[in-house]
Amino acid sequence: MSSTTATKNGKAKTLPVHKVRCGLTVGTIWENEGENGPWHNTTIDHSYLDEKSGDYVASNSYGPTQLLELAACAQLCHGWIVGRQAELRAQRRGESTNEDRF
């Protein structure tokens, strides 16, 4: 399911397979191919408004007030990955997934 797209210089760039948003916190899920099949990594960042530049900036540092958003985002990412892994196992066994039934 990992996908790539061409960039301006013609090199392939890997795209995330899924994103989860919880307020200003975003979990990005990456699917990679390995010897034993696909595996997943997640990066979680949150945005804040830089008062000097007026731009939103991504950060991976969390204060006490952002920890609940971080936890919720991590839980949603975990749920998506577990579902994706079940889907991949079913495909390897030739079974239909719930999505195929509707």
PDB file of N, CA and C in Angstrom:
ATOM      1  N   MET A   1       0.815  -1.201   0.000  1.00  0.00           N
ATOM      2  CA  MET A   1       0.000   0.000   0.000  1.00  0.00           C
ATOM      3  C   MET A   1       0.850   1.252   0.000  1.00  0.00           C
ATOM      4  N   SER A   2       2.143   1.125   0.288  1.00  0.00           N
ATOM      5  CA  SER A   2       2.982   2.321   0.269  1.00  0.00           C
ATOM      6  C   SER A   2       2.969   2.889  -1.135  1.00  0.00           C
ATOM      7  N   SER A   3       2.947   4.180  -1.221  1.00  0.00           N
ATOM      8  CA  SER A   3       2.862   4.802  -2.527  1.00  0.00           C
ATOM      9  C   SER A   3       3.970   5.824  -2.695  1.00  0.00           C
ATOM     10  N   THR A   4       4.305   6.059  -3.934  1.00  0.00           N
ATOM     11  CA  THR A   4       5.327   7.043  -4.244  1.00  0.00           C
ATOM     12  C   THR A   4       4.788   7.991  -5.300  1.00  0.00           C
ATOM     13  N   THR A   5       5.378   9.126  -5.375  1.00  0.00           N
ATOM     14  CA  THR A   5       5.042  10.095  -6.402  1.00  0.00           C
ATOM     15  C   THR A   5       6.329  10.762  -6.852  1.00  0.00           C
ATOM     16  N   ALA A   6       6.354  11.242  -8.076  1.00  0.00           N
ATOM     17  CA  ALA A   6       7.549  11.891  -8.599  1.00  0.00           C
ATOM     18  C   ALA A   6       7.645  13.319  -8.059  1.00  0.00           C
ATOM     19  N   THR A   7       8.851  13.747  -7.766  1.00  0.00           N
ATOM     20  CA  THR A   7       9.080  15.126  -7.343  1.00  0.00           C
ATOM     21  C   THR A   7       9.544  15.928  -8.542  1.00  0.00           C
ATOM     22  N   LYS A   8       9.814  17.191  -8.336  1.00  0.00           N
ATOM     23  CA  LYS A   8      10.234  18.055  -9.435  1.00  0.00           C
ATOM     24  C   LYS A   8      11.502  17.560 -10.125  1.00  0.00           C
ATOM     25  N   ASN A   9      12.430  17.016  -9.354  1.00  0.00           N
ATOM     26  CA  ASN A   9      13.690  16.574  -9.946  1.00  0.00           C
ATOM     27  C   ASN A   9      13.615  15.141 -10.469  1.00  0.00           C
ATOM     28  N   GLY A  10      12.423  14.540 -10.477  1.00  0.00           N
ATOM     29  CA  GLY A  10      12.241  13.219 -11.045  1.00  0.00           C
ATOM     30  C   GLY A  10      12.504  12.066 -10.092  1.00  0.00           C
ATOM     31  N   LYS A  11      12.931  12.353  -8.866  1.00  0.00           N
ATOM     32  CA  LYS A  11      13.178  11.291  -7.897  1.00  0.00           C
ATOM     33  C   LYS A  11      11.862  10.901  -7.219  1.00  0.00           C
ATOM     34  N   ALA A  12      11.732   9.604  -6.911  1.00  0.00           N
ATOM     35  CA  ALA A  12      10.526   9.123  -6.250  1.00  0.00           C
ATOM     36  C   ALA A  12      10.552   9.503  -4.767  1.00  0.00           C
ATOM     37  N   LYS A  13       9.404   9.900  -4.264  1.00  0.00           N
ATOM     38  CA  LYS A  13       9.263  10.280  -2.861  1.00  0.00           C
ATOM     39  C   LYS A  13       8.186   9.399  -2.241  1.00  0.00           C
ATOM     40  N   THR A  14       8.502   8.771  -1.126  1.00  0.00           N
ATOM     41  CA  THR A  14       7.536   7.923  -0.449  1.00  0.00           C
ATOM     42  C   THR A  14       6.507   8.785   0.272  1.00  0.00           C
ATOM     43  N   LEU A  15       5.253   8.428   0.112  1.00  0.00           N
ATOM     44  CA  LEU A  15       4.163   9.141   0.769  1.00  0.00           C
ATOM     45  C   LEU A  15       3.653   8.325   1.952  1.00  0.00           C
ATOM     46  N   PRO A  16       3.098   8.977   2.965  1.00  0.00           N
ATOM     47  CA  PRO A  16       2.511   8.223   4.078  1.00  0.00           C
ATOM     48  C   PRO A  16       1.280   7.456   3.598  1.00  0.00           C
ATOM     49  N   VAL A  17       0.962   6.336   4.277  1.00  0.00           N
ATOM     50  CA  VAL A  17      -0.219   5.574   3.910  1.00  0.00           C
ATOM     51  C   VAL A  17      -1.465   6.081   4.626  1.00  0.00           C
ATOM     52  N   HIS A  18      -1.254   6.823   5.735  1.00  0.00           N
ATOM     53  CA  HIS A  18      -2.406   7.318   6.483  1.00  0.00           C
ATOM     54  C   HIS A  18      -1.966   8.449   7.405  1.00  0.00           C
ATOM     55  N   LYS A  19      -2.897   9.363   7.683  1.00  0.00           N
ATOM     56  CA  LYS A  19      -2.659  10.425   8.660  1.00  0.00           C
ATOM     57  C   LYS A  19      -3.838  10.489   9.612  1.00  0.00           C
ATOM     58  N   VAL A  20      -3.537  10.760  10.876  1.00  0.00           N
ATOM     59  CA  VAL A  20      -4.545  10.906  11.917  1.00  0.00           C
ATOM     60  C   VAL A  20      -4.372  12.293  12.528  1.00  0.00           C
ATOM     61  N   ARG A  21      -5.461  13.036  12.651  1.00  0.00           N
ATOM     62  CA  ARG A  21      -5.381  14.378  13.234  1.00  0.00           C
ATOM     63  C   ARG A  21      -6.196  14.434  14.517  1.00  0.00           C
ATOM     64  N   CYS A  22      -5.568  14.942  15.557  1.00  0.00           N
ATOM     65  CA  CYS A  22      -6.223  15.189  16.850  1.00  0.00           C
ATOM     66  C   CYS A  22      -5.912  16.629  17.233  1.00  0.00           C
ATOM     67  N   GLY A  23      -6.800  17.541  16.897  1.00  0.00           N
ATOM     68  CA  GLY A  23      -6.521  18.956  17.142  1.00  0.00           C
ATOM     69  C   GLY A  23      -5.337  19.399  16.310  1.00  0.00           C
ATOM     70  N   LEU A  24      -4.320  19.956  16.954  1.00  0.00           N
ATOM     71  CA  LEU A  24      -3.117  20.401  16.247  1.00  0.00           C
ATOM     72  C   LEU A  24      -2.039  19.322  16.199  1.00  0.00           C
ATOM     73  N   THR A  25      -2.373  18.112  16.659  1.00  0.00           N
ATOM     74  CA  THR A  25      -1.433  16.993  16.652  1.00  0.00           C
ATOM     75  C   THR A  25      -1.771  16.072  15.489  1.00  0.00           C
ATOM     76  N   VAL A  26      -0.743  15.680  14.724  1.00  0.00           N
ATOM     77  CA  VAL A  26      -0.941  14.833  13.548  1.00  0.00           C
ATOM     78  C   VAL A  26      -0.021  13.619  13.631  1.00  0.00           C
ATOM     79  N   GLY A  27      -0.611  12.443  13.493  1.00  0.00           N
ATOM     80  CA  GLY A  27       0.150  11.202  13.409  1.00  0.00           C
ATOM     81  C   GLY A  27       0.242  10.794  11.950  1.00  0.00           C
ATOM     82  N   THR A  28       1.441  10.567  11.470  1.00  0.00           N
ATOM     83  CA  THR A  28       1.669  10.152  10.093  1.00  0.00           C
ATOM     84  C   THR A  28       2.184   8.720  10.110  1.00  0.00           C
ATOM     85  N   ILE A  29       1.512   7.852   9.357  1.00  0.00           N
ATOM     86  CA  ILE A  29       1.856   6.432   9.344  1.00  0.00           C
ATOM     87  C   ILE A  29       2.527   6.098   8.017  1.00  0.00           C
ATOM     88  N   TRP A  30       3.674   5.439   8.126  1.00  0.00           N
ATOM     89  CA  TRP A  30       4.475   5.057   6.967  1.00  0.00           C
ATOM     90  C   TRP A  30       4.485   3.537   6.857  1.00  0.00           C
ATOM     91  N   GLU A  31       4.345   3.024   5.648  1.00  0.00           N
ATOM     92  CA  GLU A  31       4.417   1.585   5.414  1.00  0.00           C
ATOM     93  C   GLU A  31       5.681   1.302   4.613  1.00  0.00           C
ATOM     94  N   ASN A  32       6.487   0.392   5.140  1.00  0.00           N
ATOM     95  CA  ASN A  32       7.762   0.044   4.515  1.00  0.00           C
ATOM     96  C   ASN A  32       7.762  -1.435   4.173  1.00  0.00           C
ATOM     97  N   GLU A  33       8.491  -1.807   3.138  1.00  0.00           N
ATOM     98  CA  GLU A  33       8.609  -3.206   2.748  1.00  0.00           C
ATOM     99  C   GLU A  33       9.866  -3.803   3.349  1.00  0.00           C
ATOM    100  N   GLY A  34       9.728  -4.989   3.931  1.00  0.00           N
ATOM    101  CA  GLY A  34      10.863  -5.699   4.495  1.00  0.00           C
ATOM    102  C   GLY A  34      10.877  -7.136   4.013  1.00  0.00           C
ATOM    103  N   GLU A  35      11.857  -7.891   4.463  1.00  0.00           N
ATOM    104  CA  GLU A  35      11.975  -9.292   4.067  1.00  0.00           C
ATOM    105  C   GLU A  35      10.739 -10.095   4.438  1.00  0.00           C
ATOM    106  N   ASN A  36      10.120  -9.777   5.565  1.00  0.00           N
ATOM    107  CA  ASN A  36       8.946 -10.501   6.046  1.00  0.00           C
ATOM    108  C   ASN A  36       7.639  -9.787   5.719  1.00  0.00           C
ATOM    109  N   GLY A  37       7.670  -8.903   4.753  1.00  0.00           N
ATOM    110  CA  GLY A  37       6.464  -8.172   4.372  1.00  0.00           C
ATOM    111  C   GLY A  37       6.468  -6.754   4.912  1.00  0.00           C
ATOM    112  N   PRO A  38       5.342  -6.061   4.766  1.00  0.00           N
ATOM    113  CA  PRO A  38       5.257  -4.663   5.185  1.00  0.00           C
ATOM    114  C   PRO A  38       5.354  -4.496   6.702  1.00  0.00           C
ATOM    115  N   TRP A  39       5.933  -3.377   7.112  1.00  0.00           N
ATOM    116  CA  TRP A  39       5.973  -2.982   8.512  1.00  0.00           C
ATOM    117  C   TRP A  39       5.707  -1.486   8.568  1.00  0.00           C
ATOM    118  N   HIS A  40       5.355  -0.992   9.750  1.00  0.00           N
ATOM    119  CA  HIS A  40       4.878   0.389   9.878  1.00  0.00           C
ATOM    120  C   HIS A  40       5.671   1.175  10.918  1.00  0.00           C
ATOM    121  N   ASN A  41       5.822   2.442  10.634  1.00  0.00           N
ATOM    122  CA  ASN A  41       6.383   3.427  11.567  1.00  0.00           C
ATOM    123  C   ASN A  41       5.425   4.600  11.643  1.00  0.00           C
ATOM    124  N   THR A  42       5.496   5.307  12.742  1.00  0.00           N
ATOM    125  CA  THR A  42       4.635   6.472  12.934  1.00  0.00           C
ATOM    126  C   THR A  42       5.458   7.652  13.436  1.00  0.00           C
ATOM    127  N   THR A  43       5.195   8.809  12.887  1.00  0.00           N
ATOM    128  CA  THR A  43       5.738  10.050  13.432  1.00  0.00           C
ATOM    129  C   THR A  43       4.548  10.873  13.921  1.00  0.00           C
ATOM    130  N   ILE A  44       4.717  11.516  15.072  1.00  0.00           N
ATOM    131  CA  ILE A  44       3.644  12.357  15.622  1.00  0.00           C
ATOM    132  C   ILE A  44       4.219  13.733  15.919  1.00  0.00           C
ATOM    133  N   ASP A  45       3.622  14.734  15.320  1.00  0.00           N
ATOM    134  CA  ASP A  45       4.042  16.120  15.499  1.00  0.00           C
ATOM    135  C   ASP A  45       2.829  16.967  15.869  1.00  0.00           C
ATOM    136  N   HIS A  46       3.100  18.093  16.471  1.00  0.00           N
ATOM    137  CA  HIS A  46       2.008  19.056  16.672  1.00  0.00           C
ATOM    138  C   HIS A  46       2.469  20.413  16.171  1.00  0.00           C
ATOM    139  N   SER A  47       1.491  21.228  15.800  1.00  0.00           N
ATOM    140  CA  SER A  47       1.786  22.547  15.252  1.00  0.00           C
ATOM    141  C   SER A  47       1.499  23.614  16.286  1.00  0.00           C
ATOM    142  N   TYR A  48       2.261  24.686  16.190  1.00  0.00           N
ATOM    143  CA  TYR A  48       1.986  25.849  17.025  1.00  0.00           C
ATOM    144  C   TYR A  48       2.278  27.091  16.195  1.00  0.00           C
ATOM    145  N   LEU A  49       1.683  28.189  16.587  1.00  0.00           N
ATOM    146  CA  LEU A  49       1.849  29.441  15.873  1.00  0.00           C
ATOM    147  C   LEU A  49       3.086  30.165  16.392  1.00  0.00           C
ATOM    148  N   ASP A  50       4.041  30.370  15.528  1.00  0.00           N
ATOM    149  CA  ASP A  50       5.246  31.124  15.881  1.00  0.00           C
ATOM    150  C   ASP A  50       4.869  32.602  15.891  1.00  0.00           C
ATOM    151  N   GLU A  51       4.952  33.208  17.050  1.00  0.00           N
ATOM    152  CA  GLU A  51       4.516  34.601  17.188  1.00  0.00           C
ATOM    153  C   GLU A  51       5.364  35.567  16.373  1.00  0.00           C
ATOM    154  N   LYS A  52       6.655  35.263  16.192  1.00  0.00           N
ATOM    155  CA  LYS A  52       7.533  36.160  15.433  1.00  0.00           C
ATOM    156  C   LYS A  52       7.230  36.138  13.947  1.00  0.00           C
ATOM    157  N   SER A  53       7.116  34.934  13.369  1.00  0.00           N
ATOM    158  CA  SER A  53       6.921  34.832  11.920  1.00  0.00           C
ATOM    159  C   SER A  53       5.446  34.811  11.530  1.00  0.00           C
ATOM    160  N   GLY A  54       4.568  34.417  12.461  1.00  0.00           N
ATOM    161  CA  GLY A  54       3.156  34.297  12.133  1.00  0.00           C
ATOM    162  C   GLY A  54       2.822  33.001  11.405  1.00  0.00           C
ATOM    163  N   ASP A  55       3.794  32.103  11.279  1.00  0.00           N
ATOM    164  CA  ASP A  55       3.602  30.829  10.593  1.00  0.00           C
ATOM    165  C   ASP A  55       3.395  29.705  11.606  1.00  0.00           C
ATOM    166  N   TYR A  56       2.696  28.664  11.148  1.00  0.00           N
ATOM    167  CA  TYR A  56       2.595  27.464  11.969  1.00  0.00           C
ATOM    168  C   TYR A  56       3.863  26.641  11.782  1.00  0.00           C
ATOM    169  N   VAL A  57       4.373  26.122  12.896  1.00  0.00           N
ATOM    170  CA  VAL A  57       5.618  25.368  12.909  1.00  0.00           C
ATOM    171  C   VAL A  57       5.330  23.997  13.519  1.00  0.00           C
ATOM    172  N   ALA A  58       5.920  22.940  12.919  1.00  0.00           N
ATOM    173  CA  ALA A  58       5.764  21.582  13.458  1.00  0.00           C
ATOM    174  C   ALA A  58       6.800  21.345  14.545  1.00  0.00           C
ATOM    175  N   SER A  59       6.383  20.639  15.589  1.00  0.00           N
ATOM    176  CA  SER A  59       7.266  20.318  16.702  1.00  0.00           C
ATOM    177  C   SER A  59       6.981  18.895  17.169  1.00  0.00           C
ATOM    178  N   ASN A  60       7.986  18.245  17.728  1.00  0.00           N
ATOM    179  CA  ASN A  60       7.764  16.927  18.328  1.00  0.00           C
ATOM    180  C   ASN A  60       8.062  16.977  19.826  1.00  0.00           C
ATOM    181  N   SER A  61       7.921  18.156  20.408  1.00  0.00           N
ATOM    182  CA  SER A  61       8.073  18.359  21.842  1.00  0.00           C
ATOM    183  C   SER A  61       6.698  18.711  22.402  1.00  0.00           C
ATOM    184  N   TYR A  62       6.332  18.100  23.536  1.00  0.00           N
ATOM    185  CA  TYR A  62       4.984  18.259  24.076  1.00  0.00           C
ATOM    186  C   TYR A  62       5.016  18.741  25.512  1.00  0.00           C
ATOM    187  N   GLY A  63       4.187  19.732  25.799  1.00  0.00           N
ATOM    188  CA  GLY A  63       4.010  20.190  27.163  1.00  0.00           C
ATOM    189  C   GLY A  63       2.847  19.451  27.806  1.00  0.00           C
ATOM    190  N   PRO A  64       2.603  19.696  29.070  1.00  0.00           N
ATOM    191  CA  PRO A  64       1.538  18.981  29.784  1.00  0.00           C
ATOM    192  C   PRO A  64       0.165  19.102  29.120  1.00  0.00           C
ATOM    193  N   THR A  65      -0.144  20.249  28.548  1.00  0.00           N
ATOM    194  CA  THR A  65      -1.472  20.429  27.952  1.00  0.00           C
ATOM    195  C   THR A  65      -1.631  19.693  26.623  1.00  0.00           C
ATOM    196  N   GLN A  66      -0.532  19.318  25.971  1.00  0.00           N
ATOM    197  CA  GLN A  66      -0.626  18.604  24.697  1.00  0.00           C
ATOM    198  C   GLN A  66      -0.541  17.082  24.850  1.00  0.00           C
ATOM    199  N   LEU A  67      -0.251  16.595  26.051  1.00  0.00           N
ATOM    200  CA  LEU A  67      -0.036  15.157  26.227  1.00  0.00           C
ATOM    201  C   LEU A  67      -1.279  14.318  25.953  1.00  0.00           C
ATOM    202  N   LEU A  68      -2.471  14.821  26.276  1.00  0.00           N
ATOM    203  CA  LEU A  68      -3.680  14.055  25.988  1.00  0.00           C
ATOM    204  C   LEU A  68      -3.923  13.943  24.486  1.00  0.00           C
ATOM    205  N   GLU A  69      -3.661  15.024  23.740  1.00  0.00           N
ATOM    206  CA  GLU A  69      -3.761  14.943  22.278  1.00  0.00           C
ATOM    207  C   GLU A  69      -2.760  13.943  21.729  1.00  0.00           C
ATOM    208  N   LEU A  70      -1.548  13.943  22.261  1.00  0.00           N
ATOM    209  CA  LEU A  70      -0.519  13.000  21.838  1.00  0.00           C
ATOM    210  C   LEU A  70      -0.983  11.566  22.089  1.00  0.00           C
ATOM    211  N   ALA A  71      -1.508  11.305  23.277  1.00  0.00           N
ATOM    212  CA  ALA A  71      -1.967   9.960  23.617  1.00  0.00           C
ATOM    213  C   ALA A  71      -3.126   9.514  22.720  1.00  0.00           C
ATOM    214  N   ALA A  72      -4.075  10.408  22.476  1.00  0.00           N
ATOM    215  CA  ALA A  72      -5.212  10.072  21.618  1.00  0.00           C
ATOM    216  C   ALA A  72      -4.747   9.783  20.198  1.00  0.00           C
ATOM    217  N   CYS A  73      -3.831  10.582  19.712  1.00  0.00           N
ATOM    218  CA  CYS A  73      -3.312  10.402  18.360  1.00  0.00           C
ATOM    219  C   CYS A  73      -2.550   9.073  18.254  1.00  0.00           C
ATOM    220  N   ALA A  74      -1.735   8.762  19.257  1.00  0.00           N
ATOM    221  CA  ALA A  74      -0.988   7.505  19.255  1.00  0.00           C
ATOM    222  C   ALA A  74      -1.949   6.319  19.284  1.00  0.00           C
ATOM    223  N   GLN A  75      -3.018   6.413  20.049  1.00  0.00           N
ATOM    224  CA  GLN A  75      -3.984   5.322  20.126  1.00  0.00           C
ATOM    225  C   GLN A  75      -4.685   5.123  18.775  1.00  0.00           C
ATOM    226  N   LEU A  76      -5.056   6.201  18.115  1.00  0.00           N
ATOM    227  CA  LEU A  76      -5.701   6.091  16.804  1.00  0.00           C
ATOM    228  C   LEU A  76      -4.739   5.524  15.754  1.00  0.00           C
ATOM    229  N   CYS A  77      -3.478   5.934  15.810  1.00  0.00           N
ATOM    230  CA  CYS A  77      -2.475   5.389  14.892  1.00  0.00           C
ATOM    231  C   CYS A  77      -2.313   3.889  15.123  1.00  0.00           C
ATOM    232  N   HIS A  78      -2.233   3.501  16.384  1.00  0.00           N
ATOM    233  CA  HIS A  78      -2.087   2.083  16.717  1.00  0.00           C
ATOM    234  C   HIS A  78      -3.271   1.283  16.172  1.00  0.00           C
ATOM    235  N   GLY A  79      -4.473   1.782  16.373  1.00  0.00           N
ATOM    236  CA  GLY A  79      -5.667   1.095  15.874  1.00  0.00           C
ATOM    237  C   GLY A  79      -5.648   0.934  14.368  1.00  0.00           C
ATOM    238  N   TRP A  80      -5.226   1.972  13.657  1.00  0.00           N
ATOM    239  CA  TRP A  80      -5.177   1.888  12.198  1.00  0.00           C
ATOM    240  C   TRP A  80      -4.145   0.850  11.768  1.00  0.00           C
ATOM    241  N   ILE A  81      -2.982   0.852  12.412  1.00  0.00           N
ATOM    242  CA  ILE A  81      -1.916  -0.098  12.047  1.00  0.00           C
ATOM    243  C   ILE A  81      -2.359  -1.535  12.324  1.00  0.00           C
ATOM    244  N   VAL A  82      -2.991  -1.785  13.465  1.00  0.00           N
ATOM    245  CA  VAL A  82      -3.468  -3.130  13.783  1.00  0.00           C
ATOM    246  C   VAL A  82      -4.477  -3.597  12.731  1.00  0.00           C
ATOM    247  N   GLY A  83      -5.380  -2.715  12.330  1.00  0.00           N
ATOM    248  CA  GLY A  83      -6.344  -3.042  11.282  1.00  0.00           C
ATOM    249  C   GLY A  83      -5.675  -3.325   9.955  1.00  0.00           C
ATOM    250  N   ARG A  84      -4.677  -2.530   9.619  1.00  0.00           N
ATOM    251  CA  ARG A  84      -3.948  -2.726   8.360  1.00  0.00           C
ATOM    252  C   ARG A  84      -3.195  -4.054   8.377  1.00  0.00           C
ATOM    253  N   GLN A  85      -2.580  -4.391   9.504  1.00  0.00           N
ATOM    254  CA  GLN A  85      -1.856  -5.660   9.604  1.00  0.00           C
ATOM    255  C   GLN A  85      -2.812  -6.842   9.464  1.00  0.00           C
ATOM    256  N   ALA A  86      -4.008  -6.754  10.038  1.00  0.00           N
ATOM    257  CA  ALA A  86      -5.007  -7.814   9.886  1.00  0.00           C
ATOM    258  C   ALA A  86      -5.423  -7.942   8.425  1.00  0.00           C
ATOM    259  N   GLU A  87      -5.592  -6.811   7.765  1.00  0.00           N
ATOM    260  CA  GLU A  87      -5.945  -6.802   6.342  1.00  0.00           C
ATOM    261  C   GLU A  87      -4.853  -7.480   5.510  1.00  0.00           C
ATOM    262  N   LEU A  88      -3.598  -7.166   5.799  1.00  0.00           N
ATOM    263  CA  LEU A  88      -2.481  -7.768   5.062  1.00  0.00           C
ATOM    264  C   LEU A  88      -2.391  -9.271   5.305  1.00  0.00           C
ATOM    265  N   ARG A  89      -2.616  -9.712   6.554  1.00  0.00           N
ATOM    266  CA  ARG A  89      -2.607 -11.154   6.855  1.00  0.00           C
ATOM    267  C   ARG A  89      -3.708 -11.866   6.094  1.00  0.00           C
ATOM    268  N   ALA A  90      -4.906 -11.256   6.052  1.00  0.00           N
ATOM    269  CA  ALA A  90      -6.032 -11.857   5.336  1.00  0.00           C
ATOM    270  C   ALA A  90      -5.732 -11.949   3.840  1.00  0.00           C
ATOM    271  N   GLN A  91      -5.102 -10.929   3.293  1.00  0.00           N
ATOM    272  CA  GLN A  91      -4.746 -10.956   1.867  1.00  0.00           C
ATOM    273  C   GLN A  91      -3.755 -12.068   1.573  1.00  0.00           C
ATOM    274  N   ARG A  92      -2.782 -12.269   2.470  1.00  0.00           N
ATOM    275  CA  ARG A  92      -1.798 -13.339   2.268  1.00  0.00           C
ATOM    276  C   ARG A  92      -2.463 -14.709   2.309  1.00  0.00           C
ATOM    277  N   ARG A  93      -3.497 -14.855   3.134  1.00  0.00           N
ATOM    278  CA  ARG A  93      -4.201 -16.127   3.246  1.00  0.00           C
ATOM    279  C   ARG A  93      -5.287 -16.266   2.187  1.00  0.00           C
ATOM    280  N   GLY A  94      -5.525 -15.218   1.424  1.00  0.00           N
ATOM    281  CA  GLY A  94      -6.559 -15.268   0.394  1.00  0.00           C
ATOM    282  C   GLY A  94      -7.960 -15.088   0.922  1.00  0.00           C
ATOM    283  N   GLU A  95      -8.096 -14.563   2.137  1.00  0.00           N
ATOM    284  CA  GLU A  95      -9.409 -14.340   2.724  1.00  0.00           C
ATOM    285  C   GLU A  95      -9.921 -12.966   2.332  1.00  0.00           C
ATOM    286  N   SER A  96     -11.227 -12.813   2.406  1.00  0.00           N
ATOM    287  CA  SER A  96     -11.794 -11.491   2.164  1.00  0.00           C
ATOM    288  C   SER A  96     -11.771 -10.718   3.471  1.00  0.00           C
ATOM    289  N   THR A  97     -11.656  -9.410   3.376  1.00  0.00           N
ATOM    290  CA  THR A  97     -11.697  -8.544   4.557  1.00  0.00           C
ATOM    291  C   THR A  97     -13.090  -7.981   4.701  1.00  0.00           C
ATOM    292  N   ASN A  98     -13.369  -7.359   5.827  1.00  0.00           N
ATOM    293  CA  ASN A  98     -14.685  -6.746   6.030  1.00  0.00           C
ATOM    294  C   ASN A  98     -15.014  -5.757   4.933  1.00  0.00           C
ATOM    295  N   GLU A  99     -13.991  -5.048   4.440  1.00  0.00           N
ATOM    296  CA  GLU A  99     -14.229  -4.052   3.401  1.00  0.00           C
ATOM    297  C   GLU A  99     -14.702  -4.708   2.112  1.00  0.00           C
ATOM    298  N   ASP A 100     -14.277  -5.957   1.866  1.00  0.00           N
ATOM    299  CA  ASP A 100     -14.689  -6.657   0.652  1.00  0.00           C
ATOM    300  C   ASP A 100     -16.161  -7.087   0.713  1.00  0.00           C
ATOM    301  N   ARG A 101     -16.715  -7.175   1.906  1.00  0.00           N
ATOM    302  CA  ARG A 101     -18.068  -7.691   2.071  1.00  0.00           C
ATOM    303  C   ARG A 101     -19.131  -6.634   1.832  1.00  0.00           C
ATOM    304  N   PHE A 102     -18.782  -5.385   1.786  1.00  0.00           N
ATOM    305  CA  PHE A 102     -19.779  -4.320   1.635  1.00  0.00           C
ATOM    306  C   PHE A 102     -19.794  -3.766   0.251  1.00  0.00           C
TER     307      PHE A 102
END
